[in-house]
Amino acid sequence: MLLEVIATTVNDAVLAERHGADRIELISGILEGGLTPSLGLMEGVREAVGIPVRVMVRPHARSFRYDKADAQTMLRDIRHIAAIGGLSVVMGMLRHDRTVDEELLKQLLQAADGMEVTFHRAFDEAADQLEALEVLSRYPQVTDILTSGGQRTAPEGAERIAVLERLSSAKSVSILAGSGLTASGLREFLGETAVERVHFGSAVREDGDPLRPIDPGRLQEVRSILDLWGK
């Protein structure tokens, strides 16, 4: 059972590693759904922790559609991430018809130069998630799809997530369920969906507040549930 935890500071990353996270999603702009963090933060986190770190590449929160200038920004950011070394990336892009923007995806994957990639919750705005899954599964670099099943929260999208998990089981891409997951509802959610990768943000922070630090006790509770479930 893989547990990915959002970090917005070096201290977040350290606490996440110390108290049970298997992987970090490093972002800024948590209230905007995650934006590209600073180079200094990327370097600091990479130096501070030993677990895998995936860095958000998202230049703005207006939409998941990007023009040529946005694409150039994303390409530059990915090249900087690659230069730091030891990092992976999180990204997602759609066309105006809400299909995966494969042209931009290919450009960014090439710039990522072998780094593993999570396709983020742009997936939840795709016109046809099953078609989007098929498209993304053509690219072995894309190892994870972060999704709430097209709903506001993952528990609300549990039925669709179960379908996606089943369809992805024979593919190179895995479903990473996230948004609105809590320790109290985690066992039921795992039973409904059979997912093996989960993504936590606010629920493992002090008072469940996205702008507060990671709460070791909350994170350890989630870790314990996953460990028991995995047995």
Protein backbone atom coordinates (compact mmCIF):
# COMPACT_ATOMS: atom_id res chain seq x y z
CA MET A 1 0.00 0.00 0.00
CA LEU A 2 1.58 3.24 -1.15
CA LEU A 3 0.90 6.41 0.82
CA GLU A 4 1.64 9.70 -0.93
CA VAL A 5 1.48 12.88 1.15
CA ILE A 6 1.38 16.50 0.01
CA ALA A 7 4.23 18.69 1.23
CA THR A 8 4.45 22.46 0.84
CA THR A 9 7.57 23.04 2.96
CA VAL A 10 10.81 21.25 3.79
CA ASN A 11 9.50 20.55 7.29
CA ASP A 12 6.34 18.99 5.82
CA ALA A 13 8.52 16.65 3.79
CA VAL A 14 10.65 15.68 6.78
CA LEU A 15 7.58 14.97 8.93
CA ALA A 16 5.94 13.02 6.12
CA GLU A 17 8.95 10.76 5.71
CA ARG A 18 9.44 10.31 9.45
CA HIS A 19 5.85 9.32 10.13
CA GLY A 20 4.94 6.94 7.35
CA ALA A 21 4.73 8.50 3.88
CA ASP A 22 6.14 6.42 1.03
CA ARG A 23 6.25 9.34 -1.39
CA ILE A 24 5.83 13.10 -1.39
CA GLU A 25 3.94 15.32 -3.79
CA LEU A 26 5.70 18.68 -3.54
CA ILE A 27 3.59 21.72 -4.39
CA SER A 28 2.93 25.35 -3.68
CA GLY A 29 -0.54 26.91 -3.76
CA ILE A 30 -2.32 24.15 -1.88
CA LEU A 31 -5.60 26.08 -1.83
CA GLU A 32 -5.45 26.30 -5.63
CA GLY A 33 -5.02 22.56 -6.03
CA GLY A 34 -1.24 22.72 -6.32
CA LEU A 35 1.17 24.83 -8.36
CA THR A 36 4.85 24.51 -9.25
CA PRO A 37 7.04 25.11 -6.16
CA SER A 38 10.20 27.19 -6.12
CA LEU A 39 13.59 25.81 -7.11
CA GLY A 40 14.88 26.45 -3.61
CA LEU A 41 12.08 24.37 -2.12
CA MET A 42 12.70 21.54 -4.59
CA GLU A 43 16.40 21.47 -3.74
CA GLY A 44 15.76 21.72 0.00
CA VAL A 45 13.30 18.84 0.03
CA ARG A 46 15.52 16.66 -2.14
CA GLU A 47 18.39 17.22 0.31
CA ALA A 48 16.20 16.64 3.38
CA VAL A 49 14.47 13.34 2.61
CA GLY A 50 15.27 9.99 1.10
CA ILE A 51 11.82 8.89 -0.09
CA PRO A 52 10.65 9.63 -3.66
CA VAL A 53 9.50 13.17 -4.38
CA ARG A 54 7.19 14.13 -7.23
CA VAL A 55 7.10 17.82 -8.09
CA MET A 56 4.01 19.58 -9.39
CA VAL A 57 4.40 21.18 -12.81
CA ARG A 58 1.40 23.49 -13.12
CA PRO A 59 1.94 27.14 -14.08
CA HIS A 60 -1.51 28.43 -13.09
CA ALA A 61 -4.84 27.34 -11.63
CA ARG A 62 -7.10 28.86 -14.30
CA SER A 63 -7.71 25.54 -16.04
CA PHE A 64 -5.88 22.46 -17.29
CA ARG A 65 -5.63 23.93 -20.81
CA TYR A 66 -2.32 25.54 -21.67
CA ASP A 67 -1.28 27.89 -24.45
CA LYS A 68 2.15 28.01 -26.08
CA ALA A 69 3.58 30.35 -23.47
CA ASP A 70 2.32 28.07 -20.67
CA ALA A 71 3.86 25.08 -22.42
CA GLN A 72 7.22 26.82 -22.60
CA THR A 73 7.03 27.59 -18.88
CA MET A 74 6.27 23.95 -18.11
CA LEU A 75 9.14 22.77 -20.31
CA ARG A 76 11.56 25.11 -18.51
CA ASP A 77 10.32 23.96 -15.12
CA ILE A 78 10.76 20.30 -16.03
CA ARG A 79 14.30 20.94 -17.26
CA HIS A 80 15.11 22.62 -13.93
CA ILE A 81 13.61 19.67 -12.04
CA ALA A 82 15.65 17.24 -14.12
CA ALA A 83 18.81 19.23 -13.43
CA ILE A 84 18.32 18.94 -9.66
CA GLY A 85 18.22 15.16 -10.00
CA GLY A 86 16.44 12.49 -8.01
CA LEU A 87 12.97 13.93 -8.56
CA SER A 88 9.86 12.97 -10.55
CA VAL A 89 7.01 15.12 -11.82
CA VAL A 90 3.26 15.59 -11.58
CA MET A 91 1.42 17.13 -14.50
CA GLY A 92 -1.77 17.01 -16.53
CA MET A 93 -3.17 18.73 -19.60
CA LEU A 94 -6.41 18.74 -21.56
CA ARG A 95 -7.57 20.10 -24.90
CA HIS A 96 -10.62 22.33 -25.17
CA ASP A 97 -12.73 19.23 -25.90
CA ARG A 98 -11.53 17.79 -22.56
CA THR A 99 -9.46 15.02 -24.09
CA VAL A 100 -5.84 14.47 -23.06
CA ASP A 101 -3.56 16.94 -24.86
CA GLU A 102 -1.21 14.29 -26.23
CA GLU A 103 0.91 16.74 -28.19
CA LEU A 104 1.85 18.64 -25.04
CA LEU A 105 2.12 15.43 -23.04
CA LYS A 106 4.71 14.07 -25.48
CA GLN A 107 6.74 17.29 -25.36
CA LEU A 108 6.82 17.30 -21.57
CA LEU A 109 7.61 13.59 -21.30
CA GLN A 110 10.56 14.11 -23.62
CA ALA A 111 11.79 16.98 -21.43
CA ALA A 112 11.28 14.79 -18.35
CA ASP A 113 13.97 12.52 -19.81
CA GLY A 114 12.90 9.25 -18.20
CA MET A 115 11.52 10.68 -14.96
CA GLU A 116 8.37 8.95 -13.73
CA VAL A 117 5.18 10.97 -14.02
CA THR A 118 1.87 11.26 -12.21
CA PHE A 119 -1.00 12.57 -14.34
CA HIS A 120 -2.89 14.73 -11.86
CA ARG A 121 -6.57 15.52 -11.36
CA ALA A 122 -6.93 17.08 -14.78
CA PHE A 123 -8.01 13.47 -15.33
CA ASP A 124 -11.18 14.20 -13.34
CA GLU A 125 -12.20 16.86 -15.87
CA ALA A 126 -11.70 14.57 -18.87
CA ALA A 127 -14.81 14.11 -21.01
CA ASP A 128 -14.33 10.32 -20.96
CA GLN A 129 -12.16 8.93 -18.18
CA LEU A 130 -12.01 5.45 -19.66
CA GLU A 131 -10.72 6.85 -22.94
CA ALA A 132 -8.23 9.03 -21.03
CA LEU A 133 -6.99 5.93 -19.17
CA GLU A 134 -6.38 4.17 -22.48
CA VAL A 135 -4.46 7.16 -23.83
CA LEU A 136 -2.27 7.54 -20.76
CA SER A 137 -1.54 3.82 -20.59
CA ARG A 138 0.32 4.15 -23.92
CA TYR A 139 3.07 6.09 -22.13
CA PRO A 140 5.11 3.93 -19.71
CA GLN A 141 6.59 7.07 -18.12
CA VAL A 142 3.12 7.83 -16.74
CA THR A 143 3.04 5.50 -13.76
CA ASP A 144 0.17 7.03 -11.76
CA ILE A 145 -3.16 8.73 -12.36
CA LEU A 146 -4.35 10.84 -9.42
CA THR A 147 -8.14 10.79 -9.38
CA SER A 148 -11.23 11.23 -7.27
CA GLY A 149 -13.26 9.30 -9.82
CA GLY A 150 -14.56 12.46 -11.44
CA GLN A 151 -16.31 13.56 -8.26
CA ARG A 152 -15.52 16.25 -5.69
CA THR A 153 -13.99 13.67 -3.34
CA ALA A 154 -12.61 10.16 -3.76
CA PRO A 155 -15.24 8.58 -1.46
CA GLU A 156 -17.95 10.12 -3.64
CA GLY A 157 -16.20 8.72 -6.71
CA ALA A 158 -15.53 5.28 -5.20
CA GLU A 159 -17.63 3.38 -7.74
CA ARG A 160 -15.76 4.88 -10.70
CA ILE A 161 -12.40 4.49 -8.96
CA ALA A 162 -13.13 0.77 -8.53
CA VAL A 163 -13.72 0.50 -12.29
CA LEU A 164 -10.53 2.42 -13.07
CA GLU A 165 -8.54 0.26 -10.66
CA ARG A 166 -9.82 -2.90 -12.30
CA LEU A 167 -9.10 -1.65 -15.83
CA SER A 168 -5.61 -0.42 -14.91
CA SER A 169 -4.56 -3.68 -13.25
CA ALA A 170 -3.15 -5.08 -16.50
CA LYS A 171 -1.57 -1.79 -17.57
CA SER A 172 1.66 0.02 -16.72
CA VAL A 173 -0.24 2.86 -15.03
CA SER A 174 -1.67 2.69 -11.50
CA ILE A 175 -4.61 4.51 -9.93
CA LEU A 176 -3.69 6.89 -7.10
CA ALA A 177 -6.88 7.76 -5.24
CA GLY A 178 -7.03 11.17 -3.61
CA SER A 179 -9.16 14.11 -2.43
CA GLY A 180 -11.31 13.98 0.66
CA LEU A 181 -9.89 10.75 2.08
CA THR A 182 -9.86 10.49 5.88
CA ALA A 183 -8.59 7.95 8.37
CA SER A 184 -12.14 7.29 9.62
CA GLY A 185 -13.46 6.33 6.19
CA LEU A 186 -10.32 4.74 4.77
CA ARG A 187 -11.10 1.07 5.46
CA GLU A 188 -14.51 1.31 3.82
CA PHE A 189 -13.01 3.12 0.83
CA LEU A 190 -10.28 0.51 0.36
CA GLY A 191 -12.86 -2.23 0.52
CA GLU A 192 -15.02 -0.55 -2.12
CA THR A 193 -12.24 0.27 -4.56
CA ALA A 194 -9.36 -2.22 -4.00
CA VAL A 195 -6.88 0.59 -4.69
CA GLU A 196 -3.32 0.12 -3.50
CA ARG A 197 -2.18 3.75 -3.73
CA VAL A 198 -3.69 6.66 -1.81
CA HIS A 199 -2.93 10.38 -1.67
CA PHE A 200 -3.47 12.51 1.46
CA GLY A 201 -3.35 16.26 2.00
CA SER A 202 -5.51 18.14 4.50
CA ALA A 203 -6.56 15.06 6.46
CA VAL A 204 -3.03 14.51 7.78
CA ARG A 205 -2.52 18.15 8.80
CA GLU A 206 -3.22 19.84 12.11
CA ASP A 207 -6.99 20.24 12.55
CA GLY A 208 -7.44 19.06 8.97
CA ASP A 209 -6.41 22.55 7.81
CA PRO A 210 -4.54 22.59 4.47
CA LEU A 211 -2.53 25.63 5.56
CA ARG A 212 -1.24 24.05 8.77
CA PRO A 213 1.72 21.67 9.22
CA ILE A 214 1.53 17.91 8.96
CA ASP A 215 0.23 16.29 12.15
CA PRO A 216 2.36 13.21 13.00
CA GLY A 217 -0.48 11.56 14.89
CA ARG A 218 -2.94 11.86 12.00
CA LEU A 219 -0.37 10.60 9.52
CA GLN A 220 0.62 7.66 11.71
CA GLU A 221 -3.05 6.67 12.02
CA VAL A 222 -3.41 6.51 8.24
CA ARG A 223 -0.16 4.56 7.95
CA SER A 224 -1.33 2.03 10.53
CA ILE A 225 -4.61 1.46 8.71
CA LEU A 226 -2.81 0.88 5.43
CA ASP A 227 -0.31 -1.50 7.00
CA LEU A 228 -3.06 -3.57 8.60
CA TRP A 229 -5.07 -3.57 5.39
CA GLY A 230 -2.07 -4.68 3.38
CA LYS A 231 -1.72 -7.76 5.55
